[in-house]
Structures are given as structure tokens and as C-alpha cells.
PDB file of N, CA and C in Angstrom:
ATOM      1  N   MET A   1     101.852  94.935 100.803  1.00  0.00           N
ATOM      2  CA  MET A   1     100.766  93.999 101.030  1.00  0.00           C
ATOM      3  C   MET A   1      99.464  94.643 100.537  1.00  0.00           C
ATOM      4  N   THR A   2      98.722  93.896  99.761  1.00  0.00           N
ATOM      5  CA  THR A   2      97.462  94.420  99.229  1.00  0.00           C
ATOM      6  C   THR A   2      96.380  94.393 100.302  1.00  0.00           C
ATOM      7  N   PRO A   3      95.339  95.198 100.142  1.00  0.00           N
ATOM      8  CA  PRO A   3      94.228  95.140 101.100  1.00  0.00           C
ATOM      9  C   PRO A   3      93.633  93.726 101.214  1.00  0.00           C
ATOM     10  N   GLN A   4      93.558  93.018 100.088  1.00  0.00           N
ATOM     11  CA  GLN A   4      93.009  91.652 100.124  1.00  0.00           C
ATOM     12  C   GLN A   4      93.892  90.717 100.956  1.00  0.00           C
ATOM     13  N   GLU A   5      95.204  90.850 100.801  1.00  0.00           N
ATOM     14  CA  GLU A   5      96.130  90.029 101.590  1.00  0.00           C
ATOM     15  C   GLU A   5      96.025  90.372 103.076  1.00  0.00           C
ATOM     16  N   MET A   6      95.857  91.658 103.376  1.00  0.00           N
ATOM     17  CA  MET A   6      95.726  92.075 104.776  1.00  0.00           C
ATOM     18  C   MET A   6      94.406  91.589 105.362  1.00  0.00           C
ATOM     19  N   LYS A   7      93.352  91.593 104.567  1.00  0.00           N
ATOM     20  CA  LYS A   7      92.075  91.044 105.041  1.00  0.00           C
ATOM     21  C   LYS A   7      92.259  89.586 105.442  1.00  0.00           C
ATOM     22  N   GLN A   8      92.950  88.834 104.602  1.00  0.00           N
ATOM     23  CA  GLN A   8      93.173  87.417 104.893  1.00  0.00           C
ATOM     24  C   GLN A   8      94.072  87.243 106.115  1.00  0.00           C
ATOM     25  N   ARG A   9      95.077  88.089 106.213  1.00  0.00           N
ATOM     26  CA  ARG A   9      96.009  87.993 107.349  1.00  0.00           C
ATOM     27  C   ARG A   9      95.298  88.273 108.675  1.00  0.00           C
ATOM     28  N   THR A  10      94.461  89.305 108.703  1.00  0.00           N
ATOM     29  CA  THR A  10      93.749  89.617 109.944  1.00  0.00           C
ATOM     30  C   THR A  10      92.711  88.542 110.261  1.00  0.00           C
ATOM     31  N   LYS A  11      92.113  87.980 109.233  1.00  0.00           N
ATOM     32  CA  LYS A  11      91.155  86.890 109.453  1.00  0.00           C
ATOM     33  C   LYS A  11      91.872  85.657 110.018  1.00  0.00           C
ATOM     34  N   ASN A  12      93.021  85.327 109.456  1.00  0.00           N
ATOM     35  CA  ASN A  12      93.791  84.185 109.968  1.00  0.00           C
ATOM     36  C   ASN A  12      94.219  84.409 111.413  1.00  0.00           C
ATOM     37  N   TYR A  13      94.574  85.640 111.742  1.00  0.00           N
ATOM     38  CA  TYR A  13      94.935  86.009 113.114  1.00  0.00           C
ATOM     39  C   TYR A  13      93.758  85.722 114.048  1.00  0.00           C
ATOM     40  N   ALA A  14      92.581  86.150 113.645  1.00  0.00           N
ATOM     41  CA  ALA A  14      91.380  85.917 114.454  1.00  0.00           C
ATOM     42  C   ALA A  14      91.092  84.424 114.588  1.00  0.00           C
ATOM     43  N   LEU A  15      91.244  83.683 113.514  1.00  0.00           N
ATOM     44  CA  LEU A  15      90.988  82.239 113.566  1.00  0.00           C
ATOM     45  C   LEU A  15      91.968  81.523 114.493  1.00  0.00           C
ATOM     46  N   ARG A  16      93.208  81.949 114.472  1.00  0.00           N
ATOM     47  CA  ARG A  16      94.206  81.355 115.371  1.00  0.00           C
ATOM     48  C   ARG A  16      93.850  81.645 116.829  1.00  0.00           C
ATOM     49  N   ILE A  17      93.348  82.840 117.094  1.00  0.00           N
ATOM     50  CA  ILE A  17      92.972  83.182 118.469  1.00  0.00           C
ATOM     51  C   ILE A  17      91.721  82.420 118.885  1.00  0.00           C
ATOM     52  N   ILE A  18      90.803  82.203 117.968  1.00  0.00           N
ATOM     53  CA  ILE A  18      89.631  81.384 118.288  1.00  0.00           C
ATOM     54  C   ILE A  18      90.084  80.007 118.765  1.00  0.00           C
ATOM     55  N   LYS A  19      91.024  79.397 118.051  1.00  0.00           N
ATOM     56  CA  LYS A  19      91.535  78.074 118.452  1.00  0.00           C
ATOM     57  C   LYS A  19      92.201  78.131 119.822  1.00  0.00           C
ATOM     58  N   LEU A  20      92.963  79.208 120.070  1.00  0.00           N
ATOM     59  CA  LEU A  20      93.605  79.377 121.373  1.00  0.00           C
ATOM     60  C   LEU A  20      92.560  79.464 122.475  1.00  0.00           C
ATOM     61  N   VAL A  21      91.564  80.314 122.286  1.00  0.00           N
ATOM     62  CA  VAL A  21      90.543  80.521 123.318  1.00  0.00           C
ATOM     63  C   VAL A  21      89.783  79.220 123.581  1.00  0.00           C
ATOM     64  N   GLU A  22      89.494  78.469 122.541  1.00  0.00           N
ATOM     65  CA  GLU A  22      88.794  77.190 122.716  1.00  0.00           C
ATOM     66  C   GLU A  22      89.623  76.185 123.514  1.00  0.00           C
ATOM     67  N   SER A  23      90.945  76.347 123.495  1.00  0.00           N
ATOM     68  CA  SER A  23      91.824  75.404 124.201  1.00  0.00           C
ATOM     69  C   SER A  23      92.141  75.824 125.639  1.00  0.00           C
ATOM     70  N   LEU A  24      91.687  77.003 126.046  1.00  0.00           N
ATOM     71  CA  LEU A  24      91.976  77.466 127.407  1.00  0.00           C
ATOM     72  C   LEU A  24      91.267  76.599 128.438  1.00  0.00           C
ATOM     73  N   PRO A  25      91.875  76.471 129.619  1.00  0.00           N
ATOM     74  CA  PRO A  25      91.190  75.730 130.681  1.00  0.00           C
ATOM     75  C   PRO A  25      89.914  76.465 131.084  1.00  0.00           C
ATOM     76  N   ARG A  26      88.913  75.715 131.457  1.00  0.00           N
ATOM     77  CA  ARG A  26      87.652  76.341 131.872  1.00  0.00           C
ATOM     78  C   ARG A  26      87.777  76.844 133.303  1.00  0.00           C
ATOM     79  N   GLY A  27      87.314  78.051 133.502  1.00  0.00           N
ATOM     80  CA  GLY A  27      87.344  78.682 134.816  1.00  0.00           C
ATOM     81  C   GLY A  27      86.997  80.139 134.654  1.00  0.00           C
ATOM     82  N   ARG A  28      86.679  80.766 135.744  1.00  0.00           N
ATOM     83  CA  ARG A  28      86.216  82.155 135.697  1.00  0.00           C
ATOM     84  C   ARG A  28      87.222  83.084 135.025  1.00  0.00           C
ATOM     85  N   THR A  29      88.480  83.001 135.426  1.00  0.00           N
ATOM     86  CA  THR A  29      89.505  83.897 134.888  1.00  0.00           C
ATOM     87  C   THR A  29      89.760  83.629 133.411  1.00  0.00           C
ATOM     88  N   ALA A  30      89.969  82.371 133.059  1.00  0.00           N
ATOM     89  CA  ALA A  30      90.243  82.025 131.661  1.00  0.00           C
ATOM     90  C   ALA A  30      89.053  82.367 130.770  1.00  0.00           C
ATOM     91  N   ASP A  31      87.849  82.134 131.267  1.00  0.00           N
ATOM     92  CA  ASP A  31      86.656  82.462 130.479  1.00  0.00           C
ATOM     93  C   ASP A  31      86.551  83.967 130.237  1.00  0.00           C
ATOM     94  N   THR A  32      86.842  84.763 131.265  1.00  0.00           N
ATOM     95  CA  THR A  32      86.752  86.215 131.145  1.00  0.00           C
ATOM     96  C   THR A  32      87.827  86.760 130.211  1.00  0.00           C
ATOM     97  N   ILE A  33      89.074  86.376 130.453  1.00  0.00           N
ATOM     98  CA  ILE A  33      90.167  86.862 129.602  1.00  0.00           C
ATOM     99  C   ILE A  33      89.987  86.332 128.179  1.00  0.00           C
ATOM    100  N   GLY A  34      89.621  85.074 128.063  1.00  0.00           N
ATOM    101  CA  GLY A  34      89.401  84.489 126.746  1.00  0.00           C
ATOM    102  C   GLY A  34      88.303  85.203 125.974  1.00  0.00           C
ATOM    103  N   GLY A  35      87.226  85.552 126.651  1.00  0.00           N
ATOM    104  CA  GLY A  35      86.139  86.279 126.001  1.00  0.00           C
ATOM    105  C   GLY A  35      86.579  87.646 125.516  1.00  0.00           C
ATOM    106  N   GLN A  36      87.343  88.333 126.350  1.00  0.00           N
ATOM    107  CA  GLN A  36      87.855  89.652 125.962  1.00  0.00           C
ATOM    108  C   GLN A  36      88.790  89.530 124.754  1.00  0.00           C
ATOM    109  N   LEU A  37      89.682  88.549 124.800  1.00  0.00           N
ATOM    110  CA  LEU A  37      90.618  88.322 123.707  1.00  0.00           C
ATOM    111  C   LEU A  37      89.879  87.955 122.423  1.00  0.00           C
ATOM    112  N   LEU A  38      88.882  87.133 122.554  1.00  0.00           N
ATOM    113  CA  LEU A  38      88.090  86.723 121.390  1.00  0.00           C
ATOM    114  C   LEU A  38      87.407  87.922 120.740  1.00  0.00           C
ATOM    115  N   ARG A  39      86.808  88.779 121.542  1.00  0.00           N
ATOM    116  CA  ARG A  39      86.099  89.952 121.013  1.00  0.00           C
ATOM    117  C   ARG A  39      87.041  90.912 120.292  1.00  0.00           C
ATOM    118  N   CYS A  40      88.156  91.254 120.927  1.00  0.00           N
ATOM    119  CA  CYS A  40      89.014  92.262 120.302  1.00  0.00           C
ATOM    120  C   CYS A  40      89.788  91.704 119.113  1.00  0.00           C
ATOM    121  N   SER A  41      90.182  90.455 119.156  1.00  0.00           N
ATOM    122  CA  SER A  41      90.943  89.907 118.024  1.00  0.00           C
ATOM    123  C   SER A  41      90.071  89.718 116.792  1.00  0.00           C
ATOM    124  N   THR A  42      88.841  89.294 116.971  1.00  0.00           N
ATOM    125  CA  THR A  42      87.953  89.177 115.813  1.00  0.00           C
ATOM    126  C   THR A  42      87.564  90.559 115.313  1.00  0.00           C
ATOM    127  N   SER A  43      87.560  91.531 116.200  1.00  0.00           N
ATOM    128  CA  SER A  43      87.279  92.910 115.816  1.00  0.00           C
ATOM    129  C   SER A  43      88.377  93.481 114.925  1.00  0.00           C
ATOM    130  N   VAL A  44      89.613  93.020 115.101  1.00  0.00           N
ATOM    131  CA  VAL A  44      90.708  93.455 114.238  1.00  0.00           C
ATOM    132  C   VAL A  44      90.354  93.141 112.785  1.00  0.00           C
ATOM    133  N   ALA A  45      89.925  91.913 112.546  1.00  0.00           N
ATOM    134  CA  ALA A  45      89.593  91.482 111.183  1.00  0.00           C
ATOM    135  C   ALA A  45      88.344  92.186 110.655  1.00  0.00           C
ATOM    136  N   SER A  46      87.306  92.251 111.457  1.00  0.00           N
ATOM    137  CA  SER A  46      86.053  92.833 110.963  1.00  0.00           C
ATOM    138  C   SER A  46      86.177  94.338 110.731  1.00  0.00           C
ATOM    139  N   ASN A  47      86.896  95.019 111.602  1.00  0.00           N
ATOM    140  CA  ASN A  47      87.056  96.459 111.428  1.00  0.00           C
ATOM    141  C   ASN A  47      88.045  96.804 110.315  1.00  0.00           C
ATOM    142  N   TYR A  48      89.001  95.927 110.058  1.00  0.00           N
ATOM    143  CA  TYR A  48      89.875  96.161 108.908  1.00  0.00           C
ATOM    144  C   TYR A  48      89.056  96.075 107.615  1.00  0.00           C
ATOM    145  N   ARG A  49      88.177  95.102 107.549  1.00  0.00           N
ATOM    146  CA  ARG A  49      87.297  94.990 106.374  1.00  0.00           C
ATOM    147  C   ARG A  49      86.452  96.256 106.216  1.00  0.00           C
ATOM    148  N   ALA A  50      85.950  96.766 107.322  1.00  0.00           N
ATOM    149  CA  ALA A  50      85.156  98.002 107.276  1.00  0.00           C
ATOM    150  C   ALA A  50      86.008  99.178 106.800  1.00  0.00           C
ATOM    151  N   ALA A  51      87.258  99.232 107.250  1.00  0.00           N
ATOM    152  CA  ALA A  51      88.151 100.317 106.832  1.00  0.00           C
ATOM    153  C   ALA A  51      88.398 100.271 105.329  1.00  0.00           C
ATOM    154  N   CYS A  52      88.461  99.078 104.777  1.00  0.00           N
ATOM    155  CA  CYS A  52      88.659  98.934 103.327  1.00  0.00           C
ATOM    156  C   CYS A  52      87.479  99.485 102.534  1.00  0.00           C
ATOM    157  N   ARG A  53      86.340  99.626 103.172  1.00  0.00           N
ATOM    158  CA  ARG A  53      85.149 100.148 102.505  1.00  0.00           C
ATOM    159  C   ARG A  53      84.827 101.577 102.955  1.00  0.00           C
ATOM    160  N   ALA A  54      85.806 102.236 103.533  1.00  0.00           N
ATOM    161  CA  ALA A  54      85.606 103.601 104.034  1.00  0.00           C
ATOM    162  C   ALA A  54      85.157 104.531 102.909  1.00  0.00           C
ATOM    163  N   LYS A  55      84.344 105.484 103.274  1.00  0.00           N
ATOM    164  CA  LYS A  55      83.764 106.414 102.303  1.00  0.00           C
ATOM    165  C   LYS A  55      84.652 107.629 102.025  1.00  0.00           C
ATOM    166  N   SER A  56      85.636 107.843 102.888  1.00  0.00           N
ATOM    167  CA  SER A  56      86.530 108.989 102.736  1.00  0.00           C
ATOM    168  C   SER A  56      87.823 108.707 103.497  1.00  0.00           C
ATOM    169  N   ARG A  57      88.824 109.549 103.271  1.00  0.00           N
ATOM    170  CA  ARG A  57      90.090 109.384 104.003  1.00  0.00           C
ATOM    171  C   ARG A  57      89.882 109.537 105.511  1.00  0.00           C
ATOM    172  N   PRO A  58      89.137 110.561 105.982  1.00  0.00           N
ATOM    173  CA  PRO A  58      88.904 110.647 107.434  1.00  0.00           C
ATOM    174  C   PRO A  58      88.167 109.412 107.986  1.00  0.00           C
ATOM    175  N   ASP A  59      87.238 108.875 107.215  1.00  0.00           N
ATOM    176  CA  ASP A  59      86.521 107.668 107.629  1.00  0.00           C
ATOM    177  C   ASP A  59      87.498 106.490 107.718  1.00  0.00           C
ATOM    178  N   PHE A  60      88.395 106.370 106.731  1.00  0.00           N
ATOM    179  CA  PHE A  60      89.410 105.315 106.731  1.00  0.00           C
ATOM    180  C   PHE A  60      90.302 105.440 107.965  1.00  0.00           C
ATOM    181  N   ILE A  61      90.766 106.641 108.239  1.00  0.00           N
ATOM    182  CA  ILE A  61      91.658 106.871 109.383  1.00  0.00           C
ATOM    183  C   ILE A  61      90.949 106.520 110.689  1.00  0.00           C
ATOM    184  N   ALA A  62      89.691 106.909 110.812  1.00  0.00           N
ATOM    185  CA  ALA A  62      88.925 106.602 112.030  1.00  0.00           C
ATOM    186  C   ALA A  62      88.759 105.095 112.206  1.00  0.00           C
ATOM    187  N   LYS A  63      88.412 104.415 111.122  1.00  0.00           N
ATOM    188  CA  LYS A  63      88.196 102.964 111.210  1.00  0.00           C
ATOM    189  C   LYS A  63      89.506 102.230 111.477  1.00  0.00           C
ATOM    190  N   MET A  64      90.579 102.695 110.869  1.00  0.00           N
ATOM    191  CA  MET A  64      91.884 102.075 111.126  1.00  0.00           C
ATOM    192  C   MET A  64      92.325 102.333 112.569  1.00  0.00           C
ATOM    193  N   GLY A  65      91.905 103.452 113.144  1.00  0.00           N
ATOM    194  CA  GLY A  65      92.199 103.724 114.550  1.00  0.00           C
ATOM    195  C   GLY A  65      91.553 102.689 115.456  1.00  0.00           C
ATOM    196  N   ILE A  66      90.363 102.256 115.084  1.00  0.00           N
ATOM    197  CA  ILE A  66      89.681 101.200 115.843  1.00  0.00           C
ATOM    198  C   ILE A  66      90.458  99.893 115.716  1.00  0.00           C
ATOM    199  N   VAL A  67      90.919  99.592 114.499  1.00  0.00           N
ATOM    200  CA  VAL A  67      91.716  98.372 114.286  1.00  0.00           C
ATOM    201  C   VAL A  67      92.967  98.420 115.159  1.00  0.00           C
ATOM    202  N   GLU A  68      93.623  99.573 115.188  1.00  0.00           N
ATOM    203  CA  GLU A  68      94.825  99.740 116.009  1.00  0.00           C
ATOM    204  C   GLU A  68      94.528  99.458 117.484  1.00  0.00           C
ATOM    205  N   GLU A  69      93.464 100.057 117.995  1.00  0.00           N
ATOM    206  CA  GLU A  69      93.105  99.867 119.405  1.00  0.00           C
ATOM    207  C   GLU A  69      92.783  98.405 119.716  1.00  0.00           C
ATOM    208  N   GLU A  70      92.032  97.765 118.842  1.00  0.00           N
ATOM    209  CA  GLU A  70      91.630  96.374 119.081  1.00  0.00           C
ATOM    210  C   GLU A  70      92.828  95.427 118.998  1.00  0.00           C
ATOM    211  N   CYS A  71      93.748  95.700 118.085  1.00  0.00           N
ATOM    212  CA  CYS A  71      94.941  94.872 117.966  1.00  0.00           C
ATOM    213  C   CYS A  71      95.819  95.012 119.204  1.00  0.00           C
ATOM    214  N   ASP A  72      95.991  96.250 119.662  1.00  0.00           N
ATOM    215  CA  ASP A  72      96.767  96.481 120.879  1.00  0.00           C
ATOM    216  C   ASP A  72      96.102  95.814 122.080  1.00  0.00           C
ATOM    217  N   GLU A  73      94.784  95.873 122.135  1.00  0.00           N
ATOM    218  CA  GLU A  73      94.065  95.234 123.237  1.00  0.00           C
ATOM    219  C   GLU A  73      94.239  93.714 123.197  1.00  0.00           C
ATOM    220  N   SER A  74      94.230  93.147 122.011  1.00  0.00           N
ATOM    221  CA  SER A  74      94.410  91.692 121.932  1.00  0.00           C
ATOM    222  C   SER A  74      95.788  91.292 122.462  1.00  0.00           C
ATOM    223  N   LEU A  75      96.793  92.117 122.191  1.00  0.00           N
ATOM    224  CA  LEU A  75      98.124  91.847 122.739  1.00  0.00           C
ATOM    225  C   LEU A  75      98.111  91.936 124.266  1.00  0.00           C
ATOM    226  N   PHE A  76      97.379  92.905 124.793  1.00  0.00           N
ATOM    227  CA  PHE A  76      97.264  93.041 126.248  1.00  0.00           C
ATOM    228  C   PHE A  76      96.668  91.769 126.868  1.00  0.00           C
ATOM    229  N   TRP A  77      95.571  91.258 126.287  1.00  0.00           N
ATOM    230  CA  TRP A  77      94.928  90.080 126.861  1.00  0.00           C
ATOM    231  C   TRP A  77      95.803  88.838 126.745  1.00  0.00           C
ATOM    232  N   MET A  78      96.608  88.751 125.701  1.00  0.00           N
ATOM    233  CA  MET A  78      97.555  87.634 125.615  1.00  0.00           C
ATOM    234  C   MET A  78      98.617  87.756 126.696  1.00  0.00           C
ATOM    235  N   GLU A  79      99.079  88.983 126.946  1.00  0.00           N
ATOM    236  CA  GLU A  79     100.018  89.206 128.051  1.00  0.00           C
ATOM    237  C   GLU A  79      99.394  88.774 129.375  1.00  0.00           C
ATOM    238  N   MET A  80      98.121  89.080 129.563  1.00  0.00           N
ATOM    239  CA  MET A  80      97.431  88.690 130.799  1.00  0.00           C
ATOM    240  C   MET A  80      97.349  87.167 130.938  1.00  0.00           C
ATOM    241  N   LEU A  81      97.116  86.475 129.828  1.00  0.00           N
ATOM    242  CA  LEU A  81      97.096  85.010 129.881  1.00  0.00           C
ATOM    243  C   LEU A  81      98.444  84.466 130.345  1.00  0.00           C
ATOM    244  N   ILE A  82      99.509  85.070 129.869  1.00  0.00           N
ATOM    245  CA  ILE A  82     100.852  84.648 130.266  1.00  0.00           C
ATOM    246  C   ILE A  82     101.120  85.034 131.717  1.00  0.00           C
ATOM    247  N   ASP A  83     100.880  86.304 132.044  1.00  0.00           N
ATOM    248  CA  ASP A  83     101.195  86.801 133.387  1.00  0.00           C
ATOM    249  C   ASP A  83     100.377  86.119 134.476  1.00  0.00           C
ATOM    250  N   SER A  84      99.179  85.656 134.130  1.00  0.00           N
ATOM    251  CA  SER A  84      98.338  84.971 135.119  1.00  0.00           C
ATOM    252  C   SER A  84      98.706  83.490 135.242  1.00  0.00           C
ATOM    253  N   GLY A  85      99.585  83.028 134.380  1.00  0.00           N
ATOM    254  CA  GLY A  85     100.008  81.629 134.432  1.00  0.00           C
ATOM    255  C   GLY A  85      99.075  80.667 133.716  1.00  0.00           C
ATOM    256  N   LEU A  86      98.095  81.187 133.013  1.00  0.00           N
ATOM    257  CA  LEU A  86      97.152  80.318 132.308  1.00  0.00           C
ATOM    258  C   LEU A  86      97.746  79.710 131.036  1.00  0.00           C
ATOM    259  N   VAL A  87      98.684  80.420 130.426  1.00  0.00           N
ATOM    260  CA  VAL A  87      99.306  79.958 129.186  1.00  0.00           C
ATOM    261  C   VAL A  87     100.804  80.205 129.274  1.00  0.00           C
ATOM    262  N   LYS A  88     101.586  79.247 128.810  1.00  0.00           N
ATOM    263  CA  LYS A  88     103.040  79.408 128.800  1.00  0.00           C
ATOM    264  C   LYS A  88     103.445  80.387 127.692  1.00  0.00           C
ATOM    265  N   PRO A  89     104.449  81.222 127.962  1.00  0.00           N
ATOM    266  CA  PRO A  89     104.862  82.240 126.987  1.00  0.00           C
ATOM    267  C   PRO A  89     105.193  81.679 125.601  1.00  0.00           C
ATOM    268  N   ASN A  90     105.853  80.528 125.555  1.00  0.00           N
ATOM    269  CA  ASN A  90     106.243  79.985 124.254  1.00  0.00           C
ATOM    270  C   ASN A  90     105.039  79.597 123.394  1.00  0.00           C
ATOM    271  N   ARG A  91     103.925  79.321 124.014  1.00  0.00           N
ATOM    272  CA  ARG A  91     102.707  78.976 123.275  1.00  0.00           C
ATOM    273  C   ARG A  91     102.111  80.189 122.551  1.00  0.00           C
ATOM    274  N   LEU A  92     102.365  81.380 123.087  1.00  0.00           N
ATOM    275  CA  LEU A  92     101.801  82.596 122.504  1.00  0.00           C
ATOM    276  C   LEU A  92     102.807  83.439 121.731  1.00  0.00           C
ATOM    277  N   SER A  93     104.067  83.055 121.718  1.00  0.00           N
ATOM    278  CA  SER A  93     105.090  83.918 121.114  1.00  0.00           C
ATOM    279  C   SER A  93     104.825  84.198 119.635  1.00  0.00           C
ATOM    280  N   ASP A  94     104.495  83.189 118.850  1.00  0.00           N
ATOM    281  CA  ASP A  94     104.225  83.413 117.421  1.00  0.00           C
ATOM    282  C   ASP A  94     102.977  84.258 117.208  1.00  0.00           C
ATOM    283  N   LEU A  95     101.961  83.997 117.996  1.00  0.00           N
ATOM    284  CA  LEU A  95     100.708  84.742 117.871  1.00  0.00           C
ATOM    285  C   LEU A  95     100.904  86.209 118.268  1.00  0.00           C
ATOM    286  N   MET A  96     101.683  86.442 119.302  1.00  0.00           N
ATOM    287  CA  MET A  96     101.959  87.813 119.716  1.00  0.00           C
ATOM    288  C   MET A  96     102.846  88.527 118.697  1.00  0.00           C
ATOM    289  N   LYS A  97     103.765  87.795 118.098  1.00  0.00           N
ATOM    290  CA  LYS A  97     104.591  88.384 117.039  1.00  0.00           C
ATOM    291  C   LYS A  97     103.719  88.802 115.868  1.00  0.00           C
ATOM    292  N   GLU A  98     102.768  87.965 115.498  1.00  0.00           N
ATOM    293  CA  GLU A  98     101.847  88.306 114.420  1.00  0.00           C
ATOM    294  C   GLU A  98     101.017  89.535 114.784  1.00  0.00           C
ATOM    295  N   GLY A  99     100.553  89.605 116.016  1.00  0.00           N
ATOM    296  CA  GLY A  99      99.802  90.770 116.477  1.00  0.00           C
ATOM    297  C   GLY A  99     100.634  92.041 116.410  1.00  0.00           C
ATOM    298  N   ASP A 100     101.901  91.947 116.813  1.00  0.00           N
ATOM    299  CA  ASP A 100     102.806  93.098 116.739  1.00  0.00           C
ATOM    300  C   ASP A 100     103.019  93.542 115.290  1.00  0.00           C
ATOM    301  N   GLU A 101     103.172  92.573 114.393  1.00  0.00           N
ATOM    302  CA  GLU A 101     103.380  92.909 112.984  1.00  0.00           C
ATOM    303  C   GLU A 101     102.137  93.565 112.379  1.00  0.00           C
ATOM    304  N   ILE A 102     100.983  93.013 112.676  1.00  0.00           N
ATOM    305  CA  ILE A 102      99.737  93.609 112.183  1.00  0.00           C
ATOM    306  C   ILE A 102      99.593  95.024 112.722  1.00  0.00           C
ATOM    307  N   LEU A 103      99.864  95.199 114.007  1.00  0.00           N
ATOM    308  CA  LEU A 103      99.771  96.520 114.623  1.00  0.00           C
ATOM    309  C   LEU A 103     100.710  97.512 113.934  1.00  0.00           C
ATOM    310  N   SER A 104     101.922  97.100 113.639  1.00  0.00           N
ATOM    311  CA  SER A 104     102.879  97.976 112.958  1.00  0.00           C
ATOM    312  C   SER A 104     102.388  98.380 111.573  1.00  0.00           C
ATOM    313  N   ILE A 105     101.816  97.431 110.851  1.00  0.00           N
ATOM    314  CA  ILE A 105     101.277  97.716 109.521  1.00  0.00           C
ATOM    315  C   ILE A 105     100.129  98.721 109.611  1.00  0.00           C
ATOM    316  N   ILE A 106      99.262  98.530 110.579  1.00  0.00           N
ATOM    317  CA  ILE A 106      98.107  99.408 110.756  1.00  0.00           C
ATOM    318  C   ILE A 106      98.557 100.825 111.116  1.00  0.00           C
ATOM    319  N   VAL A 107      99.478 100.940 112.047  1.00  0.00           N
ATOM    320  CA  VAL A 107      99.993 102.254 112.452  1.00  0.00           C
ATOM    321  C   VAL A 107     100.643 102.957 111.265  1.00  0.00           C
ATOM    322  N   SER A 108     101.414 102.219 110.498  1.00  0.00           N
ATOM    323  CA  SER A 108     102.060 102.786 109.316  1.00  0.00           C
ATOM    324  C   SER A 108     101.019 103.253 108.293  1.00  0.00           C
ATOM    325  N   SER A 109      99.971 102.475 108.104  1.00  0.00           N
ATOM    326  CA  SER A 109      98.902 102.850 107.165  1.00  0.00           C
ATOM    327  C   SER A 109      98.189 104.119 107.612  1.00  0.00           C
ATOM    328  N   ILE A 110      97.967 104.235 108.899  1.00  0.00           N
ATOM    329  CA  ILE A 110      97.322 105.444 109.434  1.00  0.00           C
ATOM    330  C   ILE A 110      98.205 106.661 109.201  1.00  0.00           C
ATOM    331  N   LYS A 111      99.485 106.513 109.498  1.00  0.00           N
ATOM    332  CA  LYS A 111     100.423 107.631 109.296  1.00  0.00           C
ATOM    333  C   LYS A 111     100.458 108.054 107.826  1.00  0.00           C
ATOM    334  N   THR A 112     100.510 107.090 106.923  1.00  0.00           N
ATOM    335  CA  THR A 112     100.537 107.384 105.493  1.00  0.00           C
ATOM    336  C   THR A 112      99.255 108.100 105.073  1.00  0.00           C
ATOM    337  N   ALA A 113      98.112 107.621 105.542  1.00  0.00           N
ATOM    338  CA  ALA A 113      96.836 108.234 105.189  1.00  0.00           C
ATOM    339  C   ALA A 113      96.734 109.668 105.714  1.00  0.00           C
ATOM    340  N   LYS A 114      97.295 109.936 106.870  1.00  0.00           N
ATOM    341  CA  LYS A 114      97.258 111.282 107.449  1.00  0.00           C
ATOM    342  C   LYS A 114      98.177 112.242 106.693  1.00  0.00           C
ATOM    343  N   GLN A 115      99.232 111.721 106.079  1.00  0.00           N
ATOM    344  CA  GLN A 115     100.180 112.581 105.355  1.00  0.00           C
ATOM    345  C   GLN A 115      99.638 113.028 104.003  1.00  0.00           C
ATOM    346  N   LYS A 116      98.711 112.280 103.469  1.00  0.00           N
ATOM    347  CA  LYS A 116      98.191 112.608 102.128  1.00  0.00           C
ATOM    348  C   LYS A 116      97.203 113.750 102.168  1.00  0.00           C
TER     349      LYS A 116
END
């Protein structure tokens, strides 16, 4: 996958989560979890773009580490939506699968960059 394709993939991931968050029921818990999910999922896309413009390999690895953390956090908040009963598991299964795949790609990229 090219960096350009990954930029688009992470952006699409963020856009899908924006739609999910907008569809959540209004209430203190949903608003809080939704806000957290919105912040970290959009951060996946924005920080991946920043990593693509890294000035050095250590800078790339550091920025990709942020992408890894934010992607993992977005998965956590989706789990919380399910575990709290706010969203049915089947509604998030594809989105969580995409998050897992993105996370795997990011981890693999970090490992490759560290080996060079």
C-alpha cells in the first residue's frame, strides 16, 4: 500500500467514525465517549499525514508511534460503546476490523523502519 493510499484509508476511517459519532444517542455518556472516539480517530489520519512528512527516520518512528496509540485508543472507545450498551456489536464490527487492520499496518511499518 502506498503512502497516498494509506492517507486516504485513514481519512476514510475518520470519516466513518464521524458519521458514527453523529448518530449516537444524545446523553452524557455517549457525548463523552463519542468525543473521545472522534478525537483519537481523526488523529489517526492527521498524524499519519504528519508521519509522511517526517524529517528523519527517528521522526517518522515517533510520529507513527502516535498513530499507533491513537488507533488503539479508538478501538478502546468503540469497545466501550459496545460494552456500555450504547451501540450493538454488529454495527461496529466492520469499523473495528478496519481499525485493527490499520493498526497492524502501522505496527508493521514501525518495525520495518526500526530495522533499517
